[in-house]
Amino acid sequence: MEQEEKIKEIKCTCNQCGKVWHYLESRKKQLKSQITGNTLYTCATCCSPFAMFTANKAHDLRKQLDDLEKCPECGSADVTIKEIWHKKRT
């Protein structure tokens, strides 16, 4: 099956409290892309009055990215990660 016909989901299980949560790989890629864009924009406009805002936004995005693989229940990073592939619905 072609890669374009599948969606990659990440299943996370906390090894401390047993909580299970899922997120899409595309969400992780989107956050990484936004972080890169904000970083480049901040570097290009370091003297801008909006530089602090974009730096804060990049920090928030990095936290969201890190939180994808931390337990939303207990905050532990002791997590088992499993990839699950789904066929796209047409």
N, C-alpha and C. Protein backbone atom coordinates (compact mmCIF):
# COMPACT_ATOMS: atom_id res chain seq x y z
N MET A 1 0.85 -1.18 0.00
CA MET A 1 0.00 0.00 0.00
C MET A 1 0.89 1.24 0.00
N GLU A 2 0.54 2.23 -0.79
CA GLU A 2 1.32 3.46 -0.87
C GLU A 2 1.29 4.21 0.44
N GLN A 3 2.38 4.92 0.76
CA GLN A 3 2.48 5.72 1.98
C GLN A 3 1.36 6.75 2.06
N GLU A 4 0.95 7.32 0.92
CA GLU A 4 -0.08 8.35 0.90
C GLU A 4 -1.45 7.78 1.27
N GLU A 5 -1.60 6.49 1.22
CA GLU A 5 -2.87 5.85 1.53
C GLU A 5 -2.98 5.44 3.00
N LYS A 6 -1.99 5.79 3.80
CA LYS A 6 -1.99 5.41 5.21
C LYS A 6 -1.83 6.64 6.10
N ILE A 7 -2.35 6.52 7.31
CA ILE A 7 -2.18 7.55 8.33
C ILE A 7 -1.47 6.90 9.51
N LYS A 8 -0.43 7.58 9.98
CA LYS A 8 0.35 7.05 11.09
C LYS A 8 -0.15 7.67 12.40
N GLU A 9 -0.54 6.79 13.32
CA GLU A 9 -0.99 7.21 14.64
C GLU A 9 0.03 6.70 15.65
N ILE A 10 0.27 7.48 16.67
CA ILE A 10 1.19 7.08 17.73
C ILE A 10 0.37 6.76 18.97
N LYS A 11 0.57 5.55 19.50
CA LYS A 11 -0.10 5.15 20.73
C LYS A 11 0.94 5.21 21.85
N CYS A 12 0.63 5.96 22.88
CA CYS A 12 1.53 6.09 24.02
C CYS A 12 0.88 5.46 25.25
N THR A 13 1.67 4.72 26.00
CA THR A 13 1.21 4.12 27.24
C THR A 13 2.18 4.51 28.35
N CYS A 14 1.66 5.13 29.40
CA CYS A 14 2.49 5.52 30.54
C CYS A 14 2.86 4.28 31.33
N ASN A 15 4.14 4.11 31.58
CA ASN A 15 4.62 2.96 32.34
C ASN A 15 4.48 3.18 33.85
N GLN A 16 4.07 4.37 34.26
CA GLN A 16 3.90 4.66 35.68
C GLN A 16 2.44 4.49 36.14
N CYS A 17 1.50 5.10 35.39
CA CYS A 17 0.10 5.05 35.82
C CYS A 17 -0.81 4.26 34.88
N GLY A 18 -0.30 3.86 33.70
CA GLY A 18 -1.08 3.04 32.78
C GLY A 18 -1.96 3.82 31.81
N LYS A 19 -1.95 5.14 31.89
CA LYS A 19 -2.77 5.97 30.99
C LYS A 19 -2.35 5.71 29.53
N VAL A 20 -3.34 5.64 28.63
CA VAL A 20 -3.10 5.45 27.20
C VAL A 20 -3.64 6.66 26.47
N TRP A 21 -2.86 7.21 25.53
CA TRP A 21 -3.31 8.33 24.70
C TRP A 21 -2.73 8.18 23.32
N HIS A 22 -3.33 8.87 22.37
CA HIS A 22 -2.93 8.76 20.97
C HIS A 22 -2.76 10.15 20.38
N TYR A 23 -1.89 10.25 19.39
CA TYR A 23 -1.79 11.46 18.57
C TYR A 23 -1.35 11.06 17.18
N LEU A 24 -1.63 11.93 16.23
CA LEU A 24 -1.24 11.66 14.85
C LEU A 24 0.17 12.15 14.59
N GLU A 25 0.91 11.39 13.80
CA GLU A 25 2.26 11.78 13.40
C GLU A 25 2.25 13.13 12.72
N SER A 26 1.18 13.41 11.97
CA SER A 26 1.07 14.70 11.27
C SER A 26 1.05 15.86 12.24
N ARG A 27 0.52 15.68 13.45
CA ARG A 27 0.51 16.74 14.46
C ARG A 27 1.93 17.06 14.90
N LYS A 28 2.74 16.03 15.09
CA LYS A 28 4.13 16.22 15.49
C LYS A 28 4.90 16.96 14.39
N LYS A 29 4.68 16.57 13.14
CA LYS A 29 5.34 17.24 12.01
C LYS A 29 4.91 18.70 11.91
N GLN A 30 3.62 18.95 12.15
CA GLN A 30 3.10 20.31 12.09
C GLN A 30 3.75 21.19 13.15
N LEU A 31 3.87 20.69 14.37
CA LEU A 31 4.51 21.45 15.43
C LEU A 31 5.97 21.73 15.12
N LYS A 32 6.69 20.72 14.61
CA LYS A 32 8.10 20.92 14.25
C LYS A 32 8.24 21.98 13.16
N SER A 33 7.35 21.97 12.20
CA SER A 33 7.37 22.95 11.12
C SER A 33 7.11 24.36 11.65
N GLN A 34 6.15 24.49 12.56
CA GLN A 34 5.84 25.79 13.14
C GLN A 34 7.01 26.31 13.98
N ILE A 35 7.66 25.42 14.72
CA ILE A 35 8.81 25.82 15.53
C ILE A 35 9.93 26.34 14.63
N THR A 36 10.20 25.63 13.55
CA THR A 36 11.24 26.05 12.61
C THR A 36 10.89 27.41 12.00
N GLY A 37 9.65 27.58 11.59
CA GLY A 37 9.22 28.85 11.01
C GLY A 37 9.34 30.00 11.98
N ASN A 38 8.92 29.78 13.24
CA ASN A 38 9.02 30.84 14.24
C ASN A 38 10.47 31.16 14.57
N THR A 39 11.32 30.14 14.62
CA THR A 39 12.73 30.37 14.90
C THR A 39 13.37 31.20 13.80
N LEU A 40 13.09 30.86 12.55
CA LEU A 40 13.64 31.63 11.43
C LEU A 40 13.12 33.07 11.44
N TYR A 41 11.84 33.24 11.75
CA TYR A 41 11.26 34.58 11.79
C TYR A 41 11.88 35.40 12.92
N THR A 42 12.09 34.78 14.08
CA THR A 42 12.69 35.47 15.22
C THR A 42 14.11 35.89 14.89
N CYS A 43 14.87 35.02 14.23
CA CYS A 43 16.24 35.36 13.85
C CYS A 43 16.27 36.52 12.86
N ALA A 44 15.32 36.55 11.96
CA ALA A 44 15.29 37.60 10.93
C ALA A 44 14.82 38.93 11.49
N THR A 45 14.08 38.90 12.60
CA THR A 45 13.51 40.13 13.14
C THR A 45 13.92 40.34 14.60
N CYS A 46 15.17 40.08 14.91
CA CYS A 46 15.62 40.14 16.30
C CYS A 46 15.45 41.52 16.92
N CYS A 47 15.46 42.56 16.12
CA CYS A 47 15.32 43.92 16.65
C CYS A 47 13.87 44.42 16.59
N SER A 48 12.99 43.58 16.15
CA SER A 48 11.58 43.93 16.03
C SER A 48 10.92 43.94 17.41
N PRO A 49 9.93 44.82 17.60
CA PRO A 49 9.20 44.80 18.87
C PRO A 49 8.39 43.51 19.07
N PHE A 50 8.21 42.75 18.00
CA PHE A 50 7.46 41.50 18.08
C PHE A 50 8.37 40.28 18.29
N ALA A 51 9.67 40.48 18.38
CA ALA A 51 10.62 39.38 18.52
C ALA A 51 10.35 38.56 19.79
N MET A 52 10.03 39.24 20.90
CA MET A 52 9.76 38.53 22.15
C MET A 52 8.50 37.68 22.01
N PHE A 53 7.48 38.20 21.33
CA PHE A 53 6.25 37.44 21.13
C PHE A 53 6.52 36.16 20.35
N THR A 54 7.29 36.27 19.26
CA THR A 54 7.56 35.07 18.46
C THR A 54 8.45 34.09 19.21
N ALA A 55 9.37 34.59 20.05
CA ALA A 55 10.21 33.71 20.85
C ALA A 55 9.34 32.96 21.87
N ASN A 56 8.38 33.66 22.48
CA ASN A 56 7.47 33.01 23.43
C ASN A 56 6.60 31.98 22.73
N LYS A 57 6.15 32.30 21.52
CA LYS A 57 5.32 31.38 20.75
C LYS A 57 6.11 30.11 20.43
N ALA A 58 7.38 30.27 20.04
CA ALA A 58 8.23 29.11 19.75
C ALA A 58 8.41 28.25 21.00
N HIS A 59 8.56 28.90 22.14
CA HIS A 59 8.70 28.16 23.40
C HIS A 59 7.43 27.35 23.70
N ASP A 60 6.27 27.98 23.50
CA ASP A 60 4.99 27.29 23.71
C ASP A 60 4.85 26.08 22.78
N LEU A 61 5.27 26.25 21.52
CA LEU A 61 5.19 25.15 20.56
C LEU A 61 6.11 24.01 20.95
N ARG A 62 7.33 24.33 21.43
CA ARG A 62 8.26 23.29 21.88
C ARG A 62 7.67 22.51 23.07
N LYS A 63 6.99 23.23 23.97
CA LYS A 63 6.36 22.57 25.11
C LYS A 63 5.24 21.63 24.63
N GLN A 64 4.45 22.08 23.67
CA GLN A 64 3.39 21.22 23.12
C GLN A 64 3.99 19.96 22.49
N LEU A 65 5.11 20.13 21.79
CA LEU A 65 5.78 19.00 21.16
C LEU A 65 6.28 18.02 22.22
N ASP A 66 6.91 18.54 23.27
CA ASP A 66 7.40 17.68 24.36
C ASP A 66 6.25 16.98 25.08
N ASP A 67 5.13 17.68 25.24
CA ASP A 67 3.99 17.13 25.96
C ASP A 67 3.31 15.98 25.21
N LEU A 68 3.51 15.88 23.90
CA LEU A 68 2.91 14.77 23.16
C LEU A 68 3.34 13.43 23.72
N GLU A 69 4.57 13.34 24.20
CA GLU A 69 5.11 12.08 24.67
C GLU A 69 5.31 12.05 26.18
N LYS A 70 4.57 12.91 26.89
CA LYS A 70 4.53 12.87 28.35
C LYS A 70 3.11 12.55 28.77
N CYS A 71 2.99 11.80 29.83
CA CYS A 71 1.68 11.38 30.30
C CYS A 71 0.83 12.59 30.70
N PRO A 72 -0.37 12.73 30.11
CA PRO A 72 -1.24 13.85 30.48
C PRO A 72 -1.83 13.68 31.88
N GLU A 73 -1.76 12.48 32.43
CA GLU A 73 -2.32 12.20 33.75
C GLU A 73 -1.33 12.51 34.86
N CYS A 74 -0.13 11.92 34.77
CA CYS A 74 0.85 12.07 35.86
C CYS A 74 2.09 12.86 35.47
N GLY A 75 2.25 13.17 34.18
CA GLY A 75 3.38 13.97 33.72
C GLY A 75 4.67 13.20 33.50
N SER A 76 4.62 11.89 33.64
CA SER A 76 5.82 11.06 33.49
C SER A 76 6.26 10.98 32.02
N ALA A 77 7.57 10.91 31.83
CA ALA A 77 8.12 10.71 30.49
C ALA A 77 8.49 9.25 30.28
N ASP A 78 8.18 8.40 31.25
CA ASP A 78 8.42 6.95 31.15
C ASP A 78 7.26 6.36 30.35
N VAL A 79 7.41 6.39 29.04
CA VAL A 79 6.31 6.07 28.13
C VAL A 79 6.75 5.03 27.11
N THR A 80 5.86 4.09 26.82
CA THR A 80 6.08 3.14 25.73
C THR A 80 5.32 3.67 24.51
N ILE A 81 6.02 3.77 23.39
CA ILE A 81 5.44 4.34 22.18
C ILE A 81 5.32 3.26 21.11
N LYS A 82 4.15 3.20 20.49
CA LYS A 82 3.91 2.21 19.45
C LYS A 82 3.29 2.92 18.24
N GLU A 83 3.78 2.60 17.05
CA GLU A 83 3.23 3.17 15.81
C GLU A 83 2.08 2.30 15.33
N ILE A 84 1.00 2.94 14.95
CA ILE A 84 -0.17 2.24 14.40
C ILE A 84 -0.48 2.89 13.05
N TRP A 85 -0.63 2.07 12.03
CA TRP A 85 -0.95 2.57 10.69
C TRP A 85 -2.40 2.27 10.37
N HIS A 86 -3.10 3.27 9.87
CA HIS A 86 -4.50 3.12 9.46
C HIS A 86 -4.62 3.44 7.98
N LYS A 87 -5.49 2.73 7.33
CA LYS A 87 -5.76 3.03 5.93
C LYS A 87 -6.65 4.27 5.88
N LYS A 88 -6.31 5.21 4.98
CA LYS A 88 -7.12 6.41 4.83
C LYS A 88 -8.50 6.05 4.30
N ARG A 89 -9.49 6.71 4.84
CA ARG A 89 -10.85 6.52 4.34
C ARG A 89 -11.06 7.44 3.14
N THR A 90 -11.71 6.91 2.15
CA THR A 90 -11.94 7.72 0.95
C THR A 90 -13.35 8.22 0.87
